[in-house]
C-alpha atoms as a PDB file:
ATOM      1  CA  ALA A   1       7.944   3.192 -17.671  1.00  0.00           C
ATOM      2  CA  LEU A   2       5.812   3.197 -20.874  1.00  0.00           C
ATOM      3  CA  ARG A   3       5.587   6.952 -20.967  1.00  0.00           C
ATOM      4  CA  LEU A   4       9.390   7.001 -20.608  1.00  0.00           C
ATOM      5  CA  GLY A   5       9.636   5.065 -23.753  1.00  0.00           C
ATOM      6  CA  HIS A   6      10.311   1.497 -22.105  1.00  0.00           C
ATOM      7  CA  GLU A   7       8.581  -1.848 -22.599  1.00  0.00           C
ATOM      8  CA  PRO A   8       7.732  -3.237 -19.322  1.00  0.00           C
ATOM      9  CA  VAL A   9       6.579  -6.758 -18.931  1.00  0.00           C
ATOM     10  CA  ILE A  10       4.740  -8.078 -15.687  1.00  0.00           C
ATOM     11  CA  ILE A  11       5.193 -11.650 -14.520  1.00  0.00           C
ATOM     12  CA  THR A  12       2.826 -12.648 -11.885  1.00  0.00           C
ATOM     13  CA  ALA A  13       0.649 -15.668 -10.624  1.00  0.00           C
ATOM     14  CA  ASP A  14      -2.961 -15.953 -11.946  1.00  0.00           C
ATOM     15  CA  ALA A  15      -5.099 -14.608  -9.163  1.00  0.00           C
ATOM     16  CA  GLY A  16      -8.127 -14.543 -11.482  1.00  0.00           C
ATOM     17  CA  ARG A  17      -9.307 -11.777 -13.800  1.00  0.00           C
ATOM     18  CA  ASP A  18     -10.360  -8.401 -11.983  1.00  0.00           C
ATOM     19  CA  PRO A  19     -13.205  -6.988 -13.931  1.00  0.00           C
ATOM     20  CA  TYR A  20     -12.253  -3.356 -12.791  1.00  0.00           C
ATOM     21  CA  MET A  21      -8.885  -3.546 -14.261  1.00  0.00           C
ATOM     22  CA  GLY A  22      -9.590  -3.709 -17.911  1.00  0.00           C
ATOM     23  CA  GLU A  23      -6.849  -4.398 -20.477  1.00  0.00           C
ATOM     24  CA  PRO A  24      -3.597  -2.885 -19.187  1.00  0.00           C
ATOM     25  CA  PRO A  25      -1.387  -1.194 -22.213  1.00  0.00           C
ATOM     26  CA  PHE A  26       1.502  -3.726 -21.354  1.00  0.00           C
ATOM     27  CA  GLU A  27       1.984  -7.644 -21.586  1.00  0.00           C
ATOM     28  CA  ILE A  28       1.235  -9.609 -18.564  1.00  0.00           C
ATOM     29  CA  ILE A  29       2.716 -13.077 -18.137  1.00  0.00           C
ATOM     30  CA  ARG A  30       0.896 -15.543 -15.646  1.00  0.00           C
ATOM     31  CA  ILE A  31       2.675 -18.278 -14.128  1.00  0.00           C
ATOM     32  CA  GLY A  32       1.265 -20.521 -11.449  1.00  0.00           C
ATOM     33  CA  LYS A  33      -1.808 -19.689  -9.471  1.00  0.00           C
ATOM     34  CA  SER A  34      -1.868 -17.327  -6.890  1.00  0.00           C
ATOM     35  CA  VAL A  35      -3.172 -18.566  -3.095  1.00  0.00           C
ATOM     36  CA  PRO A  36      -3.432 -16.630   0.147  1.00  0.00           C
ATOM     37  CA  ILE A  37      -1.023 -17.300   3.156  1.00  0.00           C
ATOM     38  CA  TYR A  38      -0.910 -15.559   6.184  1.00  0.00           C
ATOM     39  CA  SER A  39       2.422 -14.027   6.868  1.00  0.00           C
ATOM     40  CA  ASN A  40       3.734 -10.808   9.012  1.00  0.00           C
ATOM     41  CA  GLY A  41       0.392 -10.218  10.561  1.00  0.00           C
ATOM     42  CA  SER A  42      -1.212 -10.282   6.904  1.00  0.00           C
ATOM     43  CA  ILE A  43      -2.393 -11.879   4.268  1.00  0.00           C
ATOM     44  CA  ALA A  44       0.042 -12.597   1.405  1.00  0.00           C
ATOM     45  CA  ARG A  45      -0.138 -14.384  -1.878  1.00  0.00           C
ATOM     46  CA  VAL A  46       2.046 -16.975  -3.323  1.00  0.00           C
ATOM     47  CA  ALA A  47       2.332 -18.644  -6.666  1.00  0.00           C
ATOM     48  CA  VAL A  48       1.940 -22.445  -6.629  1.00  0.00           C
ATOM     49  CA  GLY A  49       2.172 -24.935  -9.812  1.00  0.00           C
ATOM     50  CA  PHE A  50       3.992 -27.953 -11.051  1.00  0.00           C
ATOM     51  CA  ASN A  51       5.848 -26.317 -13.851  1.00  0.00           C
ATOM     52  CA  ILE A  52       6.688 -22.615 -12.372  1.00  0.00           C
ATOM     53  CA  CYS A  53      10.376 -23.154 -12.763  1.00  0.00           C
ATOM     54  CA  ARG A  54      10.078 -24.395 -16.389  1.00  0.00           C
ATOM     55  CA  ARG A  55       7.841 -21.781 -17.440  1.00  0.00           C
ATOM     56  CA  LEU A  56       9.908 -19.054 -15.750  1.00  0.00           C
ATOM     57  CA  LYS A  57      13.192 -20.260 -17.768  1.00  0.00           C
ATOM     58  CA  GLU A  58      11.154 -20.329 -21.005  1.00  0.00           C
ATOM     59  CA  VAL A  59      10.009 -16.646 -20.508  1.00  0.00           C
ATOM     60  CA  PHE A  60      13.385 -15.455 -19.509  1.00  0.00           C
ATOM     61  CA  ARG A  61      14.874 -17.247 -22.821  1.00  0.00           C
ATOM     62  CA  SER A  62      12.254 -15.679 -25.067  1.00  0.00           C
ATOM     63  CA  GLU A  63      11.945 -12.416 -23.761  1.00  0.00           C
ATOM     64  CA  GLN A  64      15.627 -11.570 -23.384  1.00  0.00           C
ATOM     65  CA  PHE A  65      14.920  -8.948 -20.730  1.00  0.00           C
ATOM     66  CA  ASP A  66      17.558  -5.821 -20.022  1.00  0.00           C
ATOM     67  CA  ILE A  67      16.439  -5.711 -16.433  1.00  0.00           C
ATOM     68  CA  ILE A  68      14.582  -8.281 -14.357  1.00  0.00           C
ATOM     69  CA  HIS A  69      13.077  -6.201 -11.422  1.00  0.00           C
ATOM     70  CA  ILE A  70      12.009  -8.573  -8.608  1.00  0.00           C
ATOM     71  CA  HIS A  71       9.769  -7.282  -5.854  1.00  0.00           C
ATOM     72  CA  SER A  72      10.004  -8.879  -2.351  1.00  0.00           C
ATOM     73  CA  PRO A  73      12.984 -11.193  -3.736  1.00  0.00           C
ATOM     74  CA  PHE A  74      12.944 -13.794  -0.975  1.00  0.00           C
ATOM     75  CA  VAL A  75       9.130 -14.598  -0.955  1.00  0.00           C
ATOM     76  CA  PRO A  76       8.281 -17.884  -1.891  1.00  0.00           C
ATOM     77  CA  THR A  77       7.843 -18.812  -4.886  1.00  0.00           C
ATOM     78  CA  LEU A  78       7.780 -16.932  -7.914  1.00  0.00           C
ATOM     79  CA  PRO A  79      10.122 -14.082  -6.801  1.00  0.00           C
ATOM     80  CA  HIS A  80      12.599 -16.611  -5.291  1.00  0.00           C
ATOM     81  CA  PHE A  81      12.732 -18.494  -8.562  1.00  0.00           C
ATOM     82  CA  ALA A  82      13.024 -15.438 -10.691  1.00  0.00           C
ATOM     83  CA  GLN A  83      16.185 -14.334  -8.982  1.00  0.00           C
ATOM     84  CA  ARG A  84      17.607 -18.188  -9.190  1.00  0.00           C
ATOM     85  CA  TYR A  85      17.130 -18.341 -12.962  1.00  0.00           C
ATOM     86  CA  ALA A  86      17.446 -14.737 -13.969  1.00  0.00           C
ATOM     87  CA  ASP A  87      19.830 -14.450 -17.033  1.00  0.00           C
ATOM     88  CA  THR A  88      20.432 -10.599 -16.828  1.00  0.00           C
ATOM     89  CA  THR A  89      20.750  -7.771 -14.262  1.00  0.00           C
ATOM     90  CA  THR A  90      18.623  -8.032 -11.474  1.00  0.00           C
ATOM     91  CA  VAL A  91      17.102  -5.465  -9.038  1.00  0.00           C
ATOM     92  CA  GLY A  92      15.165  -6.176  -5.891  1.00  0.00           C
ATOM     93  CA  THR A  93      12.682  -4.205  -4.049  1.00  0.00           C
ATOM     94  CA  PHE A  94      11.846  -4.574  -0.368  1.00  0.00           C
ATOM     95  CA  HIS A  95       8.545  -3.602   0.956  1.00  0.00           C
ATOM     96  CA  THR A  96       8.330  -5.067   4.363  1.00  0.00           C
ATOM     97  CA  GLN A  97       8.772  -3.906   7.912  1.00  0.00           C
ATOM     98  CA  PHE A  98       9.242  -6.953  10.461  1.00  0.00           C
ATOM     99  CA  SER A  99      10.611  -7.336  13.772  1.00  0.00           C
ATOM    100  CA  SER A 100      12.020 -10.651  13.250  1.00  0.00           C
ATOM    101  CA  SER A 101      11.716 -13.546  10.706  1.00  0.00           C
ATOM    102  CA  GLY A 102      12.212 -17.283  11.388  1.00  0.00           C
ATOM    103  CA  TYR A 103      12.217 -17.883   7.769  1.00  0.00           C
ATOM    104  CA  LEU A 104      15.338 -15.559   7.096  1.00  0.00           C
ATOM    105  CA  ARG A 105      17.024 -16.667  10.176  1.00  0.00           C
ATOM    106  CA  PHE A 106      16.784 -20.511   9.391  1.00  0.00           C
ATOM    107  CA  TYR A 107      17.772 -20.037   5.815  1.00  0.00           C
ATOM    108  CA  ARG A 108      19.973 -17.116   6.228  1.00  0.00           C
ATOM    109  CA  ARG A 109      23.235 -18.936   4.608  1.00  0.00           C
ATOM    110  CA  THR A 110      21.248 -19.801   1.790  1.00  0.00           C
ATOM    111  CA  ILE A 111      19.363 -16.553   1.222  1.00  0.00           C
ATOM    112  CA  GLU A 112      22.554 -14.570   1.677  1.00  0.00           C
ATOM    113  CA  LYS A 113      23.796 -16.126  -1.579  1.00  0.00           C
ATOM    114  CA  PHE A 114      20.770 -14.560  -3.571  1.00  0.00           C
ATOM    115  CA  PHE A 115      21.077 -11.388  -1.609  1.00  0.00           C
ATOM    116  CA  ASN A 116      24.638 -10.914  -2.447  1.00  0.00           C
ATOM    117  CA  SER A 117      23.890 -11.881  -6.214  1.00  0.00           C
ATOM    118  CA  LEU A 118      21.365  -8.795  -6.719  1.00  0.00           C
ATOM    119  CA  ASP A 119      22.877  -5.988  -8.826  1.00  0.00           C
ATOM    120  CA  GLY A 120      20.841  -3.569  -7.228  1.00  0.00           C
ATOM    121  CA  ARG A 121      18.439  -3.239  -3.960  1.00  0.00           C
ATOM    122  CA  ILE A 122      15.704  -0.773  -3.789  1.00  0.00           C
ATOM    123  CA  ALA A 123      13.745   0.019  -0.416  1.00  0.00           C
ATOM    124  CA  VAL A 124      10.680   1.677   0.164  1.00  0.00           C
ATOM    125  CA  SER A 125      11.600   3.211   3.251  1.00  0.00           C
ATOM    126  CA  LYS A 126      14.275   3.131   5.672  1.00  0.00           C
ATOM    127  CA  LEU A 127      12.242   0.738   7.793  1.00  0.00           C
ATOM    128  CA  CYS A 128      12.622  -1.849   5.362  1.00  0.00           C
ATOM    129  CA  ILE A 129      16.500  -1.431   5.466  1.00  0.00           C
ATOM    130  CA  GLU A 130      16.509  -1.749   9.145  1.00  0.00           C
ATOM    131  CA  SER A 131      14.398  -5.128   9.010  1.00  0.00           C
ATOM    132  CA  MET A 132      16.376  -6.974   6.323  1.00  0.00           C
ATOM    133  CA  GLY A 133      19.701  -5.219   8.081  1.00  0.00           C
ATOM    134  CA  ARG A 134      19.196  -7.742  11.044  1.00  0.00           C
ATOM    135  CA  TYR A 135      19.996 -10.684   8.673  1.00  0.00           C
ATOM    136  CA  PHE A 136      22.013  -9.177   5.919  1.00  0.00           C
ATOM    137  CA  THR A 137      24.368  -6.142   5.202  1.00  0.00           C
ATOM    138  CA  GLY A 138      24.521  -4.629   1.823  1.00  0.00           C
ATOM    139  CA  GLU A 139      23.697  -1.141   0.003  1.00  0.00           C
ATOM    140  CA  TYR A 140      20.189   0.144  -0.864  1.00  0.00           C
ATOM    141  CA  ARG A 141      18.648   2.927  -2.711  1.00  0.00           C
ATOM    142  CA  ILE A 142      15.559   4.443  -1.070  1.00  0.00           C
ATOM    143  CA  ILE A 143      12.816   4.824  -3.641  1.00  0.00           C
ATOM    144  CA  PRO A 144       9.252   5.130  -2.399  1.00  0.00           C
ATOM    145  CA  ASN A 145       5.929   3.734  -3.668  1.00  0.00           C
ATOM    146  CA  GLY A 146       4.360   6.021  -5.952  1.00  0.00           C
ATOM    147  CA  VAL A 147       0.829   7.358  -6.767  1.00  0.00           C
ATOM    148  CA  ASP A 148      -0.935   7.958  -9.760  1.00  0.00           C
ATOM    149  CA  THR A 149      -1.845  11.557  -9.435  1.00  0.00           C
ATOM    150  CA  ALA A 150      -3.883  11.818 -12.374  1.00  0.00           C
ATOM    151  CA  LYS A 151      -6.198   9.042 -11.471  1.00  0.00           C
ATOM    152  CA  PHE A 152      -6.436   9.969  -7.650  1.00  0.00           C
ATOM    153  CA  ARG A 153      -7.386  13.767  -7.759  1.00  0.00           C
ATOM    154  CA  PRO A 154      -9.785  16.099  -5.740  1.00  0.00           C
ATOM    155  CA  ASP A 155     -12.314  16.499  -8.907  1.00  0.00           C
ATOM    156  CA  CYS A 156     -13.362  12.868  -9.250  1.00  0.00           C
ATOM    157  CA  GLU A 157     -17.072  12.160  -9.480  1.00  0.00           C
ATOM    158  CA  LYS A 158     -18.743  11.232  -6.080  1.00  0.00           C
ATOM    159  CA  ILE A 159     -20.415   8.169  -4.914  1.00  0.00           C
ATOM    160  CA  PRO A 160     -24.194   9.357  -5.126  1.00  0.00           C
ATOM    161  CA  GLN A 161     -25.170   7.062  -2.265  1.00  0.00           C
ATOM    162  CA  PHE A 162     -22.844   8.665   0.226  1.00  0.00           C
ATOM    163  CA  ASP A 163     -23.067  12.380  -1.350  1.00  0.00           C
ATOM    164  CA  ASP A 164     -25.950  13.697   0.863  1.00  0.00           C
ATOM    165  CA  GLY A 165     -24.442  16.311   3.144  1.00  0.00           C
ATOM    166  CA  LYS A 166     -23.212  14.021   5.999  1.00  0.00           C
ATOM    167  CA  LEU A 167     -19.411  14.157   7.077  1.00  0.00           C
ATOM    168  CA  ASN A 168     -17.831  10.860   5.613  1.00  0.00           C
ATOM    169  CA  ILE A 169     -14.786   9.179   7.359  1.00  0.00           C
ATOM    170  CA  PHE A 170     -13.385   6.816   4.952  1.00  0.00           C
ATOM    171  CA  PHE A 171     -10.996   3.827   5.580  1.00  0.00           C
ATOM    172  CA  LEU A 172      -9.472   1.613   2.904  1.00  0.00           C
ATOM    173  CA  SER A 173      -7.462  -1.475   3.639  1.00  0.00           C
ATOM    174  CA  ARG A 174      -7.600  -5.119   4.196  1.00  0.00           C
ATOM    175  CA  LEU A 175      -9.637  -5.892   7.250  1.00  0.00           C
ATOM    176  CA  GLU A 176      -6.769  -7.026   9.507  1.00  0.00           C
ATOM    177  CA  PRO A 177      -5.788  -6.236  13.266  1.00  0.00           C
ATOM    178  CA  ARG A 178      -2.579  -4.556  12.143  1.00  0.00           C
ATOM    179  CA  ASN A 179      -4.507  -1.866   9.984  1.00  0.00           C
ATOM    180  CA  GLY A 180      -6.235  -0.496  13.007  1.00  0.00           C
ATOM    181  CA  LEU A 181      -9.726  -0.675  12.294  1.00  0.00           C
ATOM    182  CA  GLU A 182     -10.999  -1.494  15.907  1.00  0.00           C
ATOM    183  CA  TYR A 183      -9.432   1.712  17.088  1.00  0.00           C
ATOM    184  CA  LEU A 184     -11.340   3.583  14.289  1.00  0.00           C
ATOM    185  CA  ILE A 185     -14.693   1.687  15.097  1.00  0.00           C
ATOM    186  CA  SER A 186     -14.301   2.608  18.976  1.00  0.00           C
ATOM    187  CA  ALA A 187     -13.379   6.405  18.119  1.00  0.00           C
ATOM    188  CA  PHE A 188     -16.188   6.902  15.491  1.00  0.00           C
ATOM    189  CA  SER A 189     -18.682   5.253  17.847  1.00  0.00           C
ATOM    190  CA  SER A 190     -17.718   7.555  20.544  1.00  0.00           C
ATOM    191  CA  LEU A 191     -18.256  10.529  18.253  1.00  0.00           C
ATOM    192  CA  CYS A 192     -21.470   9.184  17.450  1.00  0.00           C
ATOM    193  CA  GLN A 193     -22.814   9.890  21.046  1.00  0.00           C
ATOM    194  CA  ASP A 194     -23.069  13.648  20.401  1.00  0.00           C
ATOM    195  CA  ARG A 195     -23.306  13.791  16.514  1.00  0.00           C
ATOM    196  CA  SER A 196     -25.656  12.066  14.030  1.00  0.00           C
ATOM    197  CA  ASP A 197     -24.337  13.748  10.895  1.00  0.00           C
ATOM    198  CA  LEU A 198     -21.102  11.467  10.778  1.00  0.00           C
ATOM    199  CA  ARG A 199     -20.663   8.415   8.375  1.00  0.00           C
ATOM    200  CA  LEU A 200     -17.892   6.014   8.497  1.00  0.00           C
ATOM    201  CA  ILE A 201     -17.414   3.956   5.216  1.00  0.00           C
ATOM    202  CA  ILE A 202     -15.159   0.875   5.326  1.00  0.00           C
ATOM    203  CA  GLY A 203     -13.616  -0.400   2.309  1.00  0.00           C
ATOM    204  CA  GLY A 204     -11.664  -3.569   2.127  1.00  0.00           C
ATOM    205  CA  ASP A 205     -12.257  -7.100   2.915  1.00  0.00           C
ATOM    206  CA  GLY A 206     -10.801 -10.016   4.749  1.00  0.00           C
ATOM    207  CA  PRO A 207     -11.976 -13.212   6.894  1.00  0.00           C
ATOM    208  CA  LEU A 208     -12.227 -11.072   9.940  1.00  0.00           C
ATOM    209  CA  LYS A 209     -14.925  -8.920   8.300  1.00  0.00           C
ATOM    210  CA  GLY A 210     -17.668 -10.436  10.683  1.00  0.00           C
ATOM    211  CA  PHE A 211     -15.455  -9.976  13.563  1.00  0.00           C
ATOM    212  CA  PHE A 212     -15.050  -6.130  12.918  1.00  0.00           C
ATOM    213  CA  LYS A 213     -18.737  -5.606  12.210  1.00  0.00           C
ATOM    214  CA  SER A 214     -19.458  -7.170  15.821  1.00  0.00           C
ATOM    215  CA  LEU A 215     -17.558  -4.418  17.203  1.00  0.00           C
ATOM    216  CA  VAL A 216     -19.723  -1.994  16.078  1.00  0.00           C
ATOM    217  CA  PRO A 217     -22.307  -0.694  19.072  1.00  0.00           C
ATOM    218  CA  ALA A 218     -25.893  -0.089  18.374  1.00  0.00           C
ATOM    219  CA  VAL A 219     -25.521   3.709  18.589  1.00  0.00           C
ATOM    220  CA  ALA A 220     -23.056   3.719  15.647  1.00  0.00           C
ATOM    221  CA  LYS A 221     -24.640   0.752  13.401  1.00  0.00           C
ATOM    222  CA  PRO A 222     -27.030   3.108  11.183  1.00  0.00           C
ATOM    223  CA  HIS A 223     -23.800   5.329  10.515  1.00  0.00           C
ATOM    224  CA  VAL A 224     -21.014   2.674   9.604  1.00  0.00           C
ATOM    225  CA  HIS A 225     -21.149   0.966   6.138  1.00  0.00           C
ATOM    226  CA  PHE A 226     -18.878  -2.015   5.332  1.00  0.00           C
ATOM    227  CA  ILE A 227     -18.712  -1.733   1.351  1.00  0.00           C
ATOM    228  CA  GLY A 228     -16.006  -4.625   0.712  1.00  0.00           C
ATOM    229  CA  ARG A 229     -13.678  -4.291  -2.030  1.00  0.00           C
ATOM    230  CA  ILE A 230     -14.012  -1.467  -4.473  1.00  0.00           C
ATOM    231  CA  ASN A 231     -11.019  -1.709  -6.848  1.00  0.00           C
ATOM    232  CA  GLY A 232     -11.781   0.766  -9.588  1.00  0.00           C
ATOM    233  CA  ALA A 233     -13.939   2.984  -7.669  1.00  0.00           C
ATOM    234  CA  ARG A 234     -11.286   4.077  -5.329  1.00  0.00           C
ATOM    235  CA  PRO A 235     -10.809   7.407  -6.584  1.00  0.00           C
ATOM    236  CA  ASN A 236     -14.243   8.279  -6.572  1.00  0.00           C
ATOM    237  CA  TYR A 237     -14.676   7.105  -2.780  1.00  0.00           C
ATOM    238  CA  TYR A 238     -11.723   9.104  -1.909  1.00  0.00           C
ATOM    239  CA  SER A 239     -13.404  12.235  -3.411  1.00  0.00           C
ATOM    240  CA  THR A 240     -16.752  11.555  -1.436  1.00  0.00           C
ATOM    241  CA  SER A 241     -14.837  11.323   1.758  1.00  0.00           C
ATOM    242  CA  ASP A 242     -14.439  14.612   3.876  1.00  0.00           C
ATOM    243  CA  ILE A 243     -11.556  12.780   6.260  1.00  0.00           C
ATOM    244  CA  PHE A 244      -9.327   9.510   5.334  1.00  0.00           C
ATOM    245  CA  CYS A 245      -8.540   7.539   8.532  1.00  0.00           C
ATOM    246  CA  PHE A 246      -6.012   4.861   8.445  1.00  0.00           C
ATOM    247  CA  PRO A 247      -4.875   3.944  11.924  1.00  0.00           C
ATOM    248  CA  ALA A 248      -2.538   1.227  11.165  1.00  0.00           C
ATOM    249  CA  THR A 249       0.047  -0.033  14.071  1.00  0.00           C
ATOM    250  CA  LYS A 250       2.475  -1.804  11.576  1.00  0.00           C
ATOM    251  CA  VAL A 251       3.273  -0.406   8.394  1.00  0.00           C
ATOM    252  CA  SER A 252       6.244   0.144   6.143  1.00  0.00           C
ATOM    253  CA  PHE A 253       4.669   2.544   3.663  1.00  0.00           C
ATOM    254  CA  GLY A 254       1.175   3.623   3.175  1.00  0.00           C
ATOM    255  CA  ILE A 255      -0.027   3.521  -0.226  1.00  0.00           C
ATOM    256  CA  THR A 256      -3.734   4.361   0.409  1.00  0.00           C
ATOM    257  CA  ILE A 257      -2.232   7.416   2.754  1.00  0.00           C
ATOM    258  CA  LEU A 258      -0.807   8.664  -0.714  1.00  0.00           C
ATOM    259  CA  GLU A 259      -3.869   8.176  -2.619  1.00  0.00           C
ATOM    260  CA  ALA A 260      -5.934   9.985  -0.257  1.00  0.00           C
ATOM    261  CA  MET A 261      -3.447  12.939  -0.190  1.00  0.00           C
ATOM    262  CA  ALA A 262      -3.472  13.042  -4.128  1.00  0.00           C
ATOM    263  CA  ALA A 263      -7.412  13.093  -3.880  1.00  0.00           C
ATOM    264  CA  GLY A 264      -6.966  16.254  -1.490  1.00  0.00           C
ATOM    265  CA  LYS A 265      -8.087  14.884   1.682  1.00  0.00           C
ATOM    266  CA  PRO A 266      -7.024  15.327   5.091  1.00  0.00           C
ATOM    267  CA  VAL A 267      -5.460  12.175   6.491  1.00  0.00           C
ATOM    268  CA  VAL A 268      -5.592  11.010  10.057  1.00  0.00           C
ATOM    269  CA  THR A 269      -3.262   8.326  11.307  1.00  0.00           C
ATOM    270  CA  PHE A 270      -0.917   7.148  14.125  1.00  0.00           C
ATOM    271  CA  SER A 271       2.342   8.697  14.530  1.00  0.00           C
ATOM    272  CA  MET A 272       4.913   5.990  12.934  1.00  0.00           C
ATOM    273  CA  PRO A 273       8.361   6.223  11.537  1.00  0.00           C
ATOM    274  CA  ALA A 274       6.903   4.912   8.314  1.00  0.00           C
ATOM    275  CA  TYR A 275       5.296   8.503   7.616  1.00  0.00           C
ATOM    276  CA  ASP A 276       8.467  10.406   7.943  1.00  0.00           C
ATOM    277  CA  GLY A 277       8.915  12.210   4.938  1.00  0.00           C
ATOM    278  CA  ILE A 278       5.392  11.653   3.907  1.00  0.00           C
ATOM    279  CA  ILE A 279       3.323  13.596   6.325  1.00  0.00           C
ATOM    280  CA  THR A 280       4.098  16.764   8.070  1.00  0.00           C
ATOM    281  CA  ASP A 281       1.768  16.885  11.081  1.00  0.00           C
ATOM    282  CA  GLY A 282      -0.550  19.631  11.297  1.00  0.00           C
ATOM    283  CA  VAL A 283       0.245  20.684   7.507  1.00  0.00           C
ATOM    284  CA  ASP A 284      -0.446  17.944   5.087  1.00  0.00           C
ATOM    285  CA  GLY A 285      -2.116  15.439   7.546  1.00  0.00           C
ATOM    286  CA  LEU A 286      -2.680  14.897  11.247  1.00  0.00           C
ATOM    287  CA  LEU A 287      -0.834  12.346  13.572  1.00  0.00           C
ATOM    288  CA  CYS A 288      -1.914  10.954  16.687  1.00  0.00           C
ATOM    289  CA  GLY A 289       0.511  10.907  19.310  1.00  0.00           C
ATOM    290  CA  SER A 290      -0.574   7.664  20.985  1.00  0.00           C
ATOM    291  CA  GLN A 291      -2.227   4.737  19.673  1.00  0.00           C
ATOM    292  CA  SER A 292      -5.318   4.799  21.230  1.00  0.00           C
ATOM    293  CA  ALA A 293      -9.170   5.312  20.284  1.00  0.00           C
ATOM    294  CA  ASN A 294      -9.449   8.278  22.527  1.00  0.00           C
ATOM    295  CA  SER A 295      -6.319   9.972  20.824  1.00  0.00           C
ATOM    296  CA  LEU A 296      -8.078   8.938  17.344  1.00  0.00           C
ATOM    297  CA  ALA A 297     -11.387  10.521  18.488  1.00  0.00           C
ATOM    298  CA  THR A 298      -9.990  13.590  19.496  1.00  0.00           C
ATOM    299  CA  THR A 299      -8.054  14.263  16.333  1.00  0.00           C
ATOM    300  CA  LEU A 300     -11.263  13.080  14.023  1.00  0.00           C
ATOM    301  CA  SER A 301     -13.300  15.591  16.122  1.00  0.00           C
ATOM    302  CA  ARG A 302     -10.967  18.212  15.542  1.00  0.00           C
ATOM    303  CA  LEU A 303     -11.342  17.670  11.929  1.00  0.00           C
ATOM    304  CA  ALA A 304     -14.737  17.312  11.779  1.00  0.00           C
ATOM    305  CA  ASN A 305     -15.653  20.492  13.569  1.00  0.00           C
ATOM    306  CA  SER A 306     -13.687  22.479  11.034  1.00  0.00           C
ATOM    307  CA  ALA A 307     -14.363  22.635   7.521  1.00  0.00           C
ATOM    308  CA  GLU A 308     -11.608  25.302   6.943  1.00  0.00           C
ATOM    309  CA  GLU A 309      -8.954  23.186   8.484  1.00  0.00           C
ATOM    310  CA  ARG A 310     -10.007  20.304   6.447  1.00  0.00           C
ATOM    311  CA  LYS A 311      -9.732  22.067   3.327  1.00  0.00           C
ATOM    312  CA  LYS A 312      -6.366  23.683   4.311  1.00  0.00           C
ATOM    313  CA  ILE A 313      -4.740  20.356   5.160  1.00  0.00           C
ATOM    314  CA  GLY A 314      -6.594  18.993   1.924  1.00  0.00           C
ATOM    315  CA  ILE A 315      -4.707  21.213  -0.344  1.00  0.00           C
ATOM    316  CA  ALA A 316      -1.305  20.977   1.192  1.00  0.00           C
ATOM    317  CA  ALA A 317      -1.831  17.080   1.031  1.00  0.00           C
ATOM    318  CA  ARG A 318      -2.546  17.299  -2.653  1.00  0.00           C
ATOM    319  CA  SER A 319       0.867  19.558  -3.164  1.00  0.00           C
ATOM    320  CA  SER A 320       2.798  16.951  -1.168  1.00  0.00           C
ATOM    321  CA  SER A 321       1.364  14.029  -3.199  1.00  0.00           C
ATOM    322  CA  GLU A 322       3.333  15.325  -6.191  1.00  0.00           C
ATOM    323  CA  ARG A 323       6.508  14.382  -4.801  1.00  0.00           C
ATOM    324  CA  PHE A 324       5.273  10.733  -5.059  1.00  0.00           C
ATOM    325  CA  ALA A 325       3.999  11.057  -8.481  1.00  0.00           C
ATOM    326  CA  TRP A 326       4.463   7.920 -10.412  1.00  0.00           C
ATOM    327  CA  ALA A 327       6.258  10.080 -13.429  1.00  0.00           C
ATOM    328  CA  ARG A 328       8.765  11.156 -10.782  1.00  0.00           C
ATOM    329  CA  VAL A 329       9.287   7.717  -8.870  1.00  0.00           C
ATOM    330  CA  ALA A 330       9.596   5.910 -12.287  1.00  0.00           C
ATOM    331  CA  GLY A 331      12.014   8.235 -13.289  1.00  0.00           C
ATOM    332  CA  GLU A 332      14.219   7.557 -10.124  1.00  0.00           C
ATOM    333  CA  ILE A 333      13.916   3.830 -10.881  1.00  0.00           C
ATOM    334  CA  ILE A 334      14.785   3.807 -14.445  1.00  0.00           C
ATOM    335  CA  ASN A 335      17.951   6.103 -13.498  1.00  0.00           C
ATOM    336  CA  TYR A 336      18.792   3.491 -10.961  1.00  0.00           C
ATOM    337  CA  TYR A 337      18.538   0.897 -13.558  1.00  0.00           C
ATOM    338  CA  GLU A 338      20.805   2.865 -15.779  1.00  0.00           C
ATOM    339  CA  GLU A 339      23.244   3.534 -12.970  1.00  0.00           C
ATOM    340  CA  ILE A 340      23.597  -0.419 -12.394  1.00  0.00           C
ATOM    341  CA  LYS A 341      23.880  -1.237 -16.038  1.00  0.00           C
ATOM    342  CA  GLY A 342      26.682   1.170 -16.313  1.00  0.00           C
ATOM    343  CA  ASN A 343      28.676  -0.141 -13.487  1.00  0.00           C
END
């Protein structure tokens, strides 16, 4: 948005300062404190505080925004209050896939009023529309998540610790059951029965980290590295990897998939509707037909045994990622804003 001549302001809760972020070239206004909660099989964060509503109203009055773009509009508390007190055109982006929601079912009549009051609705995939469609009817514009193709690229500096000739398989996500790490650990362990030149690098953190560590058998322990949160070094870890594996069983859109593709790495994942239009099996990634460790091991072994195929798929993946470059996606969003304002 900055490059297109606009002035974005981010309103979010205070989750503490990330030393890897540096100073962003736009204003960030922090309201309330961010705390983690369990939701939809994952850890979400909500804002808490005594003065959230008052502070939000003050910001809206002083800033006089042209557009208020609310992500996950019905999530307590900040997104919901932002929509409630918005004094200008509002756009909501829906990111989540779910089969059912007791929250939406119980508060359906109340939330429907806010749903209908949105001037525009964006969904990152068809799955998000299907999920919301179980409760509310409305029009959406599908605009996918984007990726910074200048930041995530094939020629980033590698991590010296893991740049030693071994074949690196990389996983990056929160350590949660729905992200399929248990399948990857099992698949990788079976590959270690016959090969000692493989390494599994696991990026990400979560309360179940100890549990996932306990799943690693003795034969694989020397080759599995839990590195925790990596934040600003993500491009370097992608560059260091030979294969990126993200065997999630529940996802609406894979951002780490896009990052790996932009880095020119072959991606291995389970076949899911969320990847329609993102990955073409055998061209810019490999999709496992069944959600099982055996299927994952077979596909990983195929790539591990063919440097030529890894290179070919990686080149195609980089090319495909350009469709999701932020410059292009941001342009789609801005055009949607202008369309809504014009109406």
